[in-house]
Amino acid sequence: MKKGWTITKLVTVGSIGALRVLVWLPFVVISGASANPISMIFSFFFYSFISILSMLIVRQLGTLTLQTFVEYTLELPLPNMIFKPLVYALAFIRSLIVDFIFQKLNKNRISTSIICGVMNSFLLSILTYISYMIMNIPGASQIPSSLLTPVIASVLIGVVMLLGGLGGYLGWLTYQKIKNTSVVIRIQGNEKVLDNN
C-alpha cells in the first residue's frame, strides 16, 4: 500500500496538467479572436472537470497545486503568458485552497467533488479577470464598465459556479467508471478506496 507520493503519481499529475493546457489552447485562440475574455467562461467547466478527476485519481494533498505549476510552466511560451508574480501567486493560492478543501472533506462523496468544482471555478474566474487586466489583453479594459454591473456580475458568477459544479460532478462520474481499471489501481499503488456516496 503506497499512501504517499510516488513517481507514478507525479507523472500522472504532470500528464494531466499537460492535457489541460492542450485543451485550453482553443479557448485562448477564441478569446483572442473575439477580444472578449468572457468567452473563456465556459472553459471553466472542463478545467473543474479535469482538476477534480485528477484529485480523485491521485488523492494526495498538493495534487492540484502541482498540476497548476505544470500548467503555468507549459503556458509561459504562449502569447501574453509572460511571468507575472501576482498572477502566479494567486493561481497557487487558488490551488491550495481547493486542495485543502478536498482533503478535509470526504474524498469519496459526490458532494465533495461538486463543492470543489464550484470553488475552483469561482476562484479561477477571479484569477482570470485579474490576469487579463494585468496583462492588458485587448477587451479586458471594457469588462468593468460593460459587464461588471451588480446584476450582470451576479449572473456571471452564478454561471461560473454552476459550470464548476457540473464539471466536478462529471469528474466524479468519470472516476466511478475508471477507478477499478488497472491503470488507476496502479497509479494509486493498490490503495484501498472505500465508496461513500
Protein backbone atom coordinates (compact mmCIF):
# COMPACT_ATOMS: atom_id res chain seq x y z
CA MET A 1 0.00 0.00 0.00
CA LYS A 2 1.51 3.31 -1.15
CA LYS A 3 -0.18 6.25 0.54
CA GLY A 4 2.42 8.91 -0.24
CA TRP A 5 3.69 10.48 -3.41
CA THR A 6 5.25 8.12 -5.95
CA ILE A 7 6.91 8.61 -9.32
CA THR A 8 3.77 7.22 -10.95
CA LYS A 9 1.57 9.80 -9.22
CA LEU A 10 3.94 12.63 -10.13
CA VAL A 11 3.96 11.55 -13.78
CA THR A 12 0.17 11.29 -13.72
CA VAL A 13 -0.26 14.84 -12.41
CA GLY A 14 2.21 16.16 -14.97
CA SER A 15 0.42 14.37 -17.79
CA ILE A 16 -2.98 15.67 -16.72
CA GLY A 17 -1.56 19.19 -16.47
CA ALA A 18 -0.18 18.94 -19.99
CA LEU A 19 -3.53 17.65 -21.25
CA ARG A 20 -5.32 20.59 -19.64
CA VAL A 21 -3.00 23.04 -21.43
CA LEU A 22 -3.65 21.37 -24.80
CA VAL A 23 -7.41 21.57 -24.31
CA TRP A 24 -7.12 25.17 -23.05
CA LEU A 25 -5.42 26.43 -26.24
CA PRO A 26 -8.60 26.63 -28.39
CA PHE A 27 -10.25 28.79 -25.73
CA VAL A 28 -7.25 31.12 -25.76
CA VAL A 29 -7.47 31.43 -29.55
CA ILE A 30 -11.23 32.03 -29.47
CA SER A 31 -10.89 34.62 -26.73
CA GLY A 32 -8.11 36.43 -28.53
CA ALA A 33 -10.06 36.46 -31.78
CA SER A 34 -13.17 37.91 -30.17
CA ALA A 35 -11.24 40.30 -27.90
CA ASN A 36 -13.61 39.29 -25.14
CA PRO A 37 -12.16 37.35 -22.20
CA ILE A 38 -15.65 36.39 -21.03
CA SER A 39 -15.79 33.98 -23.99
CA MET A 40 -13.46 31.76 -21.94
CA ILE A 41 -16.00 31.38 -19.13
CA PHE A 42 -17.30 28.03 -20.40
CA SER A 43 -13.80 26.59 -20.33
CA PHE A 44 -14.17 26.60 -16.53
CA PHE A 45 -16.40 23.55 -16.90
CA PHE A 46 -13.59 21.47 -18.37
CA TYR A 47 -10.99 22.93 -16.02
CA SER A 48 -13.04 21.92 -12.96
CA PHE A 49 -13.76 18.53 -14.51
CA ILE A 50 -10.12 17.67 -15.10
CA SER A 51 -8.99 19.16 -11.76
CA ILE A 52 -11.49 17.10 -9.76
CA LEU A 53 -10.71 13.97 -11.76
CA SER A 54 -7.00 14.49 -11.11
CA MET A 55 -7.53 14.85 -7.35
CA LEU A 56 -9.77 11.78 -7.23
CA ILE A 57 -7.23 9.66 -9.07
CA VAL A 58 -4.06 10.79 -7.29
CA ARG A 59 -5.67 11.50 -3.89
CA GLN A 60 -2.68 13.40 -2.46
CA LEU A 61 -2.56 16.81 -0.80
CA GLY A 62 -0.97 19.15 -3.31
CA THR A 63 -2.25 17.37 -6.42
CA LEU A 64 -3.96 20.43 -7.88
CA THR A 65 -1.14 22.73 -6.77
CA LEU A 66 1.45 20.62 -8.57
CA GLN A 67 -0.81 20.36 -11.59
CA THR A 68 -1.12 24.16 -11.64
CA PHE A 69 2.67 24.52 -11.55
CA VAL A 70 2.99 22.22 -14.57
CA GLU A 71 0.25 24.07 -16.44
CA TYR A 72 1.63 27.54 -15.86
CA THR A 73 5.15 26.43 -16.74
CA LEU A 74 3.96 24.97 -20.05
CA GLU A 75 1.88 28.09 -20.76
CA LEU A 76 4.80 30.51 -20.39
CA PRO A 77 5.76 30.34 -24.11
CA LEU A 78 2.21 31.25 -25.16
CA PRO A 79 1.36 34.79 -26.34
CA ASN A 80 0.61 37.17 -23.44
CA MET A 81 1.55 34.49 -20.88
CA ILE A 82 4.54 36.41 -19.52
CA PHE A 83 5.59 35.75 -15.95
CA LYS A 84 3.56 37.85 -13.53
CA PRO A 85 4.36 37.11 -9.86
CA LEU A 86 0.91 38.25 -8.65
CA VAL A 87 -0.92 36.05 -11.17
CA TYR A 88 1.19 33.03 -10.27
CA ALA A 89 0.80 33.64 -6.54
CA LEU A 90 -3.00 33.87 -6.87
CA ALA A 91 -3.05 30.72 -9.01
CA PHE A 92 -1.19 28.74 -6.36
CA ILE A 93 -3.37 30.15 -3.58
CA ARG A 94 -6.45 29.05 -5.53
CA SER A 95 -4.99 25.56 -5.98
CA LEU A 96 -4.00 25.24 -2.33
CA ILE A 97 -7.50 26.24 -1.16
CA VAL A 98 -9.17 23.62 -3.37
CA ASP A 99 -6.56 21.02 -2.39
CA PHE A 100 -7.21 21.56 1.33
CA ILE A 101 -11.00 21.52 0.90
CA PHE A 102 -10.77 18.24 -0.99
CA GLN A 103 -8.54 16.67 1.66
CA LYS A 104 -10.60 17.88 4.62
CA LEU A 105 -13.93 16.69 3.24
CA ASN A 106 -14.79 13.07 2.45
CA LYS A 107 -13.00 12.44 -0.85
CA ASN A 108 -15.44 9.72 -1.86
CA ARG A 109 -18.61 11.80 -1.54
CA ILE A 110 -20.10 13.27 -4.69
CA SER A 111 -20.85 16.46 -2.75
CA THR A 112 -17.12 16.98 -2.17
CA SER A 113 -16.41 16.88 -5.91
CA ILE A 114 -19.22 19.34 -6.60
CA ILE A 115 -18.16 21.72 -3.82
CA CYS A 116 -14.54 21.66 -5.00
CA GLY A 117 -15.67 22.18 -8.60
CA VAL A 118 -17.73 25.22 -7.59
CA MET A 119 -14.91 26.70 -5.50
CA ASN A 120 -12.34 26.00 -8.22
CA SER A 121 -14.36 27.82 -10.90
CA PHE A 122 -15.24 30.72 -8.61
CA LEU A 123 -11.61 31.34 -7.65
CA LEU A 124 -10.47 30.72 -11.22
CA SER A 125 -12.89 33.34 -12.55
CA ILE A 126 -11.40 35.93 -10.20
CA LEU A 127 -7.89 34.91 -11.22
CA THR A 128 -8.81 35.09 -14.92
CA TYR A 129 -10.18 38.61 -14.55
CA ILE A 130 -7.08 39.80 -12.68
CA SER A 131 -4.81 38.09 -15.23
CA TYR A 132 -6.50 39.78 -18.17
CA MET A 133 -6.31 43.17 -16.52
CA ILE A 134 -2.63 42.80 -15.56
CA MET A 135 -1.60 41.51 -18.99
CA ASN A 136 -3.53 44.27 -20.79
CA ILE A 137 -5.25 41.83 -23.13
CA PRO A 138 -7.49 43.58 -25.69
CA GLY A 139 -11.04 43.88 -24.45
CA ALA A 140 -10.13 43.45 -20.80
CA SER A 141 -10.34 47.16 -20.02
CA GLN A 142 -14.00 47.18 -21.08
CA ILE A 143 -15.03 44.49 -18.60
CA PRO A 144 -15.67 46.66 -15.52
CA SER A 145 -17.94 49.19 -17.20
CA SER A 146 -19.77 46.91 -19.61
CA LEU A 147 -20.12 43.65 -17.72
CA LEU A 148 -19.46 44.07 -14.03
CA THR A 149 -22.63 45.80 -13.02
CA PRO A 150 -24.06 44.15 -9.86
CA VAL A 151 -26.77 42.25 -11.72
CA ILE A 152 -24.63 41.02 -14.61
CA ALA A 153 -21.72 40.20 -12.33
CA SER A 154 -24.04 38.11 -10.13
CA VAL A 155 -25.32 36.23 -13.18
CA LEU A 156 -21.79 35.58 -14.45
CA ILE A 157 -20.65 34.34 -11.04
CA GLY A 158 -23.70 32.10 -10.88
CA VAL A 159 -22.94 30.66 -14.32
CA VAL A 160 -19.28 30.11 -13.40
CA MET A 161 -20.19 28.31 -10.17
CA LEU A 162 -22.83 26.20 -11.95
CA LEU A 163 -20.34 25.17 -14.62
CA GLY A 164 -17.77 24.39 -11.95
CA GLY A 165 -20.24 22.24 -10.04
CA LEU A 166 -21.20 20.39 -13.21
CA GLY A 167 -17.52 19.88 -14.01
CA GLY A 168 -16.94 18.47 -10.53
CA TYR A 169 -19.94 16.19 -10.90
CA LEU A 170 -18.71 14.90 -14.27
CA GLY A 171 -15.26 14.37 -12.77
CA TRP A 172 -16.78 12.24 -10.01
CA LEU A 173 -18.89 10.23 -12.50
CA THR A 174 -15.87 9.65 -14.72
CA TYR A 175 -13.83 8.47 -11.76
CA GLN A 176 -16.53 5.98 -10.80
CA LYS A 177 -16.22 4.49 -14.29
CA ILE A 178 -12.44 4.15 -14.26
CA LYS A 179 -11.50 3.65 -10.61
CA ASN A 180 -11.31 -0.14 -10.89
CA THR A 181 -9.22 -0.17 -14.05
CA SER A 182 -5.68 -1.47 -13.89
CA VAL A 183 -4.29 1.96 -14.78
CA VAL A 184 -5.95 3.78 -11.88
CA ILE A 185 -5.17 0.96 -9.45
CA ARG A 186 -1.52 1.16 -10.48
CA ILE A 187 -1.46 4.95 -10.04
CA GLN A 188 -2.96 4.65 -6.57
CA GLY A 189 -0.49 1.94 -5.63
CA ASN A 190 -3.22 -0.60 -4.81
CA GLU A 191 -4.63 1.65 -2.09
CA LYS A 192 -7.96 0.53 -0.70
CA VAL A 193 -10.52 3.20 -1.51
CA LEU A 194 -13.92 2.85 0.11
CA ASP A 195 -17.05 4.13 -1.59
CA ASN A 196 -19.22 6.55 0.36
CA ASN A 197 -21.67 8.36 -1.86
